[in-house]
Every structure is written in structure tokens, then in C-alpha cells.
Amino acid sequence: MSELRVVRDGAVATVTLSRPEKRNALDPPTLEALGDAFRSLAEDDAVRAVVLAGDGPAFCAGADIGMMAAARDLSEDENVADAERMAAAFEAVDTCPKAVIARVHGSAFGGGAGLVACADVAIAAEGARFAFSEIKLGLLPATVAPYVLRALGPGATRELFVTGRRFDASEALRLGLVHRVVTDDDLDVAVRETLRSVLAAGPAAVAASKRLIRASTASLALDDLPRWIAAARVGPEGREGVTAFLEKREPSWSVDS
């Protein structure tokens, strides 16, 4: 799995997105590998905690632009199937019964920020930047919506979803997307400190606590989400947004304030 690297060290597994030349953008092979890795780790009794990280200068830049470009030529049903594969990867991360710690540096945009929301504990470097930027392409952050709503609540989620603006690590901390912000040099130290805490907890209790939180905060029907993003992808606005991004121009709907 060249798109992903999984390393086990005792009770800890580290899952690293490994497409640094693409800022770890999520393409179909990466999403498939990510889902497979977390489903496998979920069944591994020897693993108690999982660290999710990214190679290179960024944690994860979100959906691969090549994948989004190709989606313009798919039918809505084909886009639904594609979105379902993406949704399955996020669900595998979120439903993993182990403690999941996100080690965040550089950019975490779109689906990358969604992965942060799926983690139980997110630790960010001071220079990390975040955005739910799908709206800038005429698309929807539908796949990550349940996890972001749970982390931030509807008020902050609405503002970030409809503006698509970028925000820094200190604001992510204030909003609840991340739980700790440290210097670049202290990032791995902070991850190790958090690992010590979660490894001291009962593994069955950790898994049950995660199920309890999901059951208590369920607000969206997950089966419906792929159709939201699929409809946006094949609609005229989504097609124009992705085309404009590829052509490095403003989309037709963008106006000066």
C-alpha cells in the first residue's frame, strides 16, 4: 500500500498517509487502503491505540483534485458509488474501537479536516491550517458532516461550511476541532503523552465510550450522505467549480464584495 503506511509498535499502530507529493490528498486507492487499515486494526486485540499522521509538509489536503475532475464525467449513480467508498473510509476511522489520535501538521483541508474530526484526540502543530473548502468548488462537505457536527456543533459548522474559509490551529482549538496545540518540535512529545493516557484506560471501556458518544449524537442518516455529494458533483455549479480550480481561475459565480 504505497498510499498508506501502517507500523505497529507494541499496543500502538501508526497509520500514515503517504502521498507527500500530493499533500496526502485522498484518491480512491488511498481511501480504500485507509478503510482497510482501520477495519483490520479494529479486529486486532493487540492494538490499543492508533495514531493517524501524514508524510511530508501536510497532514491531508482533502479529496484528490484528479478524482474530483473525473467525477464530472460520471453519472449521478456512479458518483453515489464513489461517494459511498469515501464515506466507508471515514466510517472505518470513526467506528474504530481503539483510541484514535490525529497528529496534525501543515494543512488539513476538506476531507483532511474531516479526518481530524473523526479522531478521539487531535493534536495540532501551531502552524497547522484548516478549512472545509468544498463550498469554494460548488461542492458539499457531506461525507464529513456528521463528524464535524459532532465535534463543533451546528453553529460553528454552519459558518465554516458556508464560508469555506481557512482558520488556524488556535481557532481550531477554541472551536473543539483539535484538543491541543503545540510547537512543531513538541508534536511527537504531545502524541506520546496522550498515548500514555489512553493506554492506561480500559480498552473495553474505551470502545464502549466511543459507541456511547456515537449513539448519543447521531443526527444524520449516513446512507443519505453520498447522494448529497453526488448531486453536487454532477450539477452545473460543482462542474464549474472544479473546472475553474483546474484552470486556475475564479468560478463564474464568484463576485467582488
Protein backbone atom coordinates (compact mmCIF):
# COMPACT_ATOMS: atom_id res chain seq x y z
CA MET A 1 0.00 0.00 0.00
CA SER A 2 2.22 2.80 -1.25
CA GLU A 3 -0.51 5.33 -0.42
CA LEU A 4 -0.51 4.33 3.22
CA ARG A 5 1.98 3.05 5.77
CA VAL A 6 0.99 1.07 8.85
CA VAL A 7 3.56 0.48 11.58
CA ARG A 8 2.86 -1.42 14.80
CA ASP A 9 4.88 -0.77 17.95
CA GLY A 10 3.54 -2.79 20.83
CA ALA A 11 -0.01 -1.68 21.58
CA VAL A 12 0.22 1.33 19.24
CA ALA A 13 -0.30 1.35 15.49
CA THR A 14 0.62 4.38 13.40
CA VAL A 15 -1.28 4.87 10.15
CA THR A 16 0.49 7.38 7.91
CA LEU A 17 -0.95 8.88 4.73
CA SER A 18 1.97 8.57 2.33
CA ARG A 19 1.41 10.71 -0.75
CA PRO A 20 3.59 13.67 0.23
CA GLU A 21 3.96 14.84 -3.36
CA LYS A 22 0.15 15.28 -3.42
CA ARG A 23 -0.03 16.65 0.14
CA ASN A 24 -1.64 13.33 1.06
CA ALA A 25 -4.76 14.05 -0.97
CA LEU A 26 -7.39 11.33 -0.76
CA ASP A 27 -7.71 9.41 -4.02
CA PRO A 28 -9.63 6.10 -4.39
CA PRO A 29 -6.64 3.82 -3.62
CA THR A 30 -5.77 5.87 -0.53
CA LEU A 31 -9.35 5.81 0.70
CA GLU A 32 -9.59 2.06 0.15
CA ALA A 33 -6.30 1.48 1.95
CA LEU A 34 -7.34 3.76 4.82
CA GLY A 35 -10.62 1.94 5.32
CA ASP A 36 -8.97 -1.46 5.11
CA ALA A 37 -6.28 -0.46 7.60
CA PHE A 38 -8.70 0.79 10.23
CA ARG A 39 -11.04 -2.17 9.80
CA SER A 40 -8.08 -4.52 10.26
CA LEU A 41 -6.80 -2.65 13.32
CA ALA A 42 -10.30 -2.70 14.80
CA GLU A 43 -10.09 -6.51 14.89
CA ASP A 44 -6.55 -6.65 16.29
CA ASP A 45 -6.74 -7.27 20.03
CA ALA A 46 -3.06 -6.41 20.42
CA VAL A 47 -3.65 -2.83 19.27
CA ARG A 48 -4.96 -0.39 21.86
CA ALA A 49 -4.40 2.96 20.14
CA VAL A 50 -3.96 4.27 16.60
CA VAL A 51 -2.07 7.40 15.58
CA LEU A 52 -3.18 8.93 12.27
CA ALA A 53 -0.49 11.06 10.61
CA GLY A 54 0.66 12.36 7.24
CA ASP A 55 4.01 12.32 5.44
CA GLY A 56 5.62 15.44 4.06
CA PRO A 57 4.52 19.07 4.52
CA ALA A 58 0.81 18.43 5.11
CA PHE A 59 -1.48 16.21 7.12
CA CYS A 60 -4.05 15.90 4.32
CA ALA A 61 -5.15 18.32 1.62
CA GLY A 62 -8.55 16.68 1.22
CA ALA A 63 -10.02 14.95 -1.81
CA ASP A 64 -7.65 14.45 -4.73
CA ILE A 65 -8.39 17.04 -7.41
CA GLY A 66 -7.91 14.42 -10.13
CA MET A 67 -10.66 12.35 -8.55
CA MET A 68 -12.95 15.38 -8.41
CA ALA A 69 -12.19 16.22 -12.03
CA ALA A 70 -13.02 12.68 -13.13
CA ALA A 71 -16.28 12.84 -11.18
CA ARG A 72 -17.58 15.50 -13.57
CA ASP A 73 -17.94 12.84 -16.26
CA LEU A 74 -19.62 10.22 -14.07
CA SER A 75 -23.36 9.76 -13.81
CA GLU A 76 -25.08 10.59 -10.55
CA ASP A 77 -25.35 6.88 -9.68
CA GLU A 78 -21.63 6.41 -10.39
CA ASN A 79 -20.90 9.42 -8.20
CA VAL A 80 -23.03 7.92 -5.44
CA ALA A 81 -20.94 4.74 -5.58
CA ASP A 82 -17.75 6.80 -5.49
CA ALA A 83 -19.01 8.84 -2.54
CA GLU A 84 -20.02 5.67 -0.72
CA ARG A 85 -16.43 4.44 -0.94
CA MET A 86 -15.24 7.69 0.60
CA ALA A 87 -17.90 7.54 3.31
CA ALA A 88 -16.86 3.98 4.16
CA ALA A 89 -13.27 5.10 4.80
CA PHE A 90 -14.38 7.85 7.21
CA GLU A 91 -16.74 5.46 8.97
CA ALA A 92 -13.89 2.97 9.43
CA VAL A 93 -11.83 5.64 11.17
CA ASP A 94 -14.71 6.91 13.28
CA THR A 95 -16.03 3.50 14.33
CA CYS A 96 -12.62 2.04 15.18
CA PRO A 97 -12.97 0.82 18.78
CA LYS A 98 -9.40 1.81 19.59
CA ALA A 99 -8.40 5.30 20.76
CA VAL A 100 -7.55 7.28 17.60
CA ILE A 101 -5.14 10.21 17.86
CA ALA A 102 -4.66 12.60 14.95
CA ARG A 103 -1.17 14.10 14.62
CA VAL A 104 -1.88 17.22 12.56
CA HIS A 105 0.63 19.47 10.82
CA GLY A 106 0.57 21.70 7.77
CA SER A 107 -2.79 21.78 6.02
CA ALA A 108 -5.89 19.78 6.88
CA PHE A 109 -8.45 20.82 4.30
CA GLY A 110 -11.79 19.34 3.27
CA GLY A 111 -11.66 15.61 3.91
CA GLY A 112 -8.39 16.12 5.79
CA ALA A 113 -10.19 18.30 8.35
CA GLY A 114 -12.93 15.67 8.36
CA LEU A 115 -10.40 13.02 9.38
CA VAL A 116 -9.35 15.26 12.26
CA ALA A 117 -12.98 15.38 13.38
CA CYS A 118 -13.13 11.56 13.30
CA ALA A 119 -10.27 11.26 15.79
CA ASP A 120 -10.84 10.92 19.52
CA VAL A 121 -7.94 13.24 20.27
CA ALA A 122 -6.47 15.70 17.78
CA ILE A 123 -3.11 17.34 18.44
CA ALA A 124 -2.03 20.09 16.07
CA ALA A 125 1.20 21.92 15.42
CA GLU A 126 0.98 25.69 15.79
CA GLY A 127 1.33 26.24 12.07
CA ALA A 128 -1.50 23.90 11.07
CA ARG A 129 -4.27 25.34 8.93
CA PHE A 130 -7.80 24.03 8.43
CA ALA A 131 -10.74 24.56 6.08
CA PHE A 132 -13.92 22.89 4.91
CA SER A 133 -13.33 24.27 1.46
CA GLU A 134 -15.70 22.17 -0.66
CA ILE A 135 -18.13 25.08 -0.99
CA LYS A 136 -15.48 27.01 -2.96
CA LEU A 137 -15.79 24.34 -5.65
CA GLY A 138 -19.57 24.33 -5.63
CA LEU A 139 -19.48 21.02 -3.72
CA LEU A 140 -20.64 19.87 -0.29
CA PRO A 141 -18.74 18.54 2.74
CA ALA A 142 -21.47 15.91 3.06
CA THR A 143 -19.22 12.94 3.78
CA VAL A 144 -17.62 14.60 6.80
CA ALA A 145 -20.71 16.45 8.03
CA PRO A 146 -21.73 14.04 10.85
CA TYR A 147 -18.26 14.04 12.38
CA VAL A 148 -17.79 17.81 12.13
CA LEU A 149 -21.24 18.50 13.58
CA ARG A 150 -20.44 16.24 16.50
CA ALA A 151 -17.10 17.96 17.12
CA LEU A 152 -18.11 21.59 16.61
CA GLY A 153 -21.87 21.79 16.99
CA PRO A 154 -24.22 23.26 14.38
CA GLY A 155 -23.35 26.93 14.92
CA ALA A 156 -19.64 26.76 14.12
CA THR A 157 -20.21 24.09 11.48
CA ARG A 158 -22.69 26.24 9.59
CA GLU A 159 -20.32 29.19 9.44
CA LEU A 160 -17.32 27.13 8.34
CA PHE A 161 -19.30 25.12 5.78
CA VAL A 162 -20.91 28.12 4.08
CA THR A 163 -17.76 30.30 4.01
CA GLY A 164 -15.13 27.62 3.34
CA ARG A 165 -12.65 29.97 4.99
CA ARG A 166 -9.30 28.88 6.36
CA PHE A 167 -8.63 29.03 10.08
CA ASP A 168 -5.58 28.44 12.21
CA ALA A 169 -4.76 25.96 14.94
CA SER A 170 -5.67 28.32 17.78
CA GLU A 171 -9.18 28.77 16.36
CA ALA A 172 -9.47 25.02 15.75
CA LEU A 173 -8.65 24.57 19.44
CA ARG A 174 -11.25 27.12 20.50
CA LEU A 175 -13.91 25.50 18.31
CA GLY A 176 -13.12 21.98 19.50
CA LEU A 177 -11.82 20.51 16.26
CA VAL A 178 -8.45 19.91 17.93
CA HIS A 179 -7.75 19.36 21.61
CA ARG A 180 -4.19 20.56 21.98
CA VAL A 181 -1.87 22.89 20.06
CA VAL A 182 1.89 22.63 20.46
CA THR A 183 5.06 23.70 18.69
CA ASP A 184 6.33 21.62 15.79
CA ASP A 185 9.14 20.34 17.99
CA ASP A 186 6.71 19.23 20.69
CA LEU A 187 4.20 17.50 18.41
CA ASP A 188 5.56 13.98 18.84
CA VAL A 189 6.07 14.56 22.57
CA ALA A 190 2.41 15.55 22.93
CA VAL A 191 1.31 12.48 20.98
CA ARG A 192 3.35 10.24 23.27
CA GLU A 193 1.86 11.89 26.35
CA THR A 194 -1.64 11.29 25.05
CA LEU A 195 -0.79 7.69 24.23
CA ARG A 196 0.30 7.13 27.81
CA SER A 197 -3.09 8.36 28.99
CA VAL A 198 -5.19 6.26 26.64
CA LEU A 199 -3.10 3.14 27.19
CA ALA A 200 -3.84 3.44 30.91
CA ALA A 201 -7.57 3.22 30.20
CA GLY A 202 -9.56 0.01 29.96
CA PRO A 203 -9.76 -1.00 26.27
CA ALA A 204 -13.32 -2.30 26.57
CA ALA A 205 -14.35 0.91 28.31
CA VAL A 206 -12.72 2.98 25.54
CA ALA A 207 -14.65 1.09 22.87
CA ALA A 208 -17.92 1.34 24.80
CA SER A 209 -17.41 5.07 25.43
CA LYS A 210 -16.96 5.64 21.70
CA ARG A 211 -20.15 3.71 20.91
CA LEU A 212 -22.00 5.70 23.57
CA ILE A 213 -20.93 9.03 22.08
CA ARG A 214 -21.91 7.98 18.55
CA ALA A 215 -25.31 6.76 19.71
CA SER A 216 -25.93 9.92 21.73
CA THR A 217 -25.01 12.34 18.92
CA ALA A 218 -26.35 10.61 15.81
CA SER A 219 -28.15 13.28 13.78
CA LEU A 220 -27.76 12.45 10.09
CA ALA A 221 -28.69 9.34 8.15
CA LEU A 222 -25.33 8.15 6.85
CA ASP A 223 -26.94 6.28 3.95
CA ASP A 224 -28.22 9.56 2.51
CA LEU A 225 -24.92 11.46 2.53
CA PRO A 226 -23.36 10.04 -0.67
CA ARG A 227 -26.36 11.24 -2.67
CA TRP A 228 -25.86 14.80 -1.40
CA ILE A 229 -22.28 14.98 -2.62
CA ALA A 230 -23.07 13.05 -5.82
CA ALA A 231 -25.80 15.50 -6.78
CA ALA A 232 -23.42 18.43 -6.19
CA ARG A 233 -20.67 16.83 -8.27
CA VAL A 234 -22.81 16.35 -11.36
CA GLY A 235 -24.68 19.64 -11.04
CA PRO A 236 -23.65 22.70 -13.08
CA GLU A 237 -22.21 24.54 -10.09
CA GLY A 238 -20.00 21.67 -8.99
CA ARG A 239 -18.77 21.08 -12.52
CA GLU A 240 -17.95 24.76 -12.95
CA GLY A 241 -16.22 24.96 -9.57
CA VAL A 242 -13.89 22.04 -10.23
CA THR A 243 -13.19 23.23 -13.79
CA ALA A 244 -12.35 26.72 -12.55
CA PHE A 245 -9.99 25.29 -9.95
CA LEU A 246 -8.20 23.20 -12.58
CA GLU A 247 -7.98 26.22 -14.89
CA LYS A 248 -6.71 28.41 -12.02
CA ARG A 249 -9.46 30.99 -12.38
CA GLU A 250 -12.37 32.23 -10.32
CA PRO A 251 -15.62 30.30 -10.84
CA SER A 252 -18.41 32.08 -12.69
CA TRP A 253 -20.42 32.71 -9.51
CA SER A 254 -17.59 34.47 -7.66
CA VAL A 255 -18.22 38.20 -7.28
CA ASP A 256 -16.28 41.01 -5.64
CA SER A 257 -17.71 42.31 -2.40
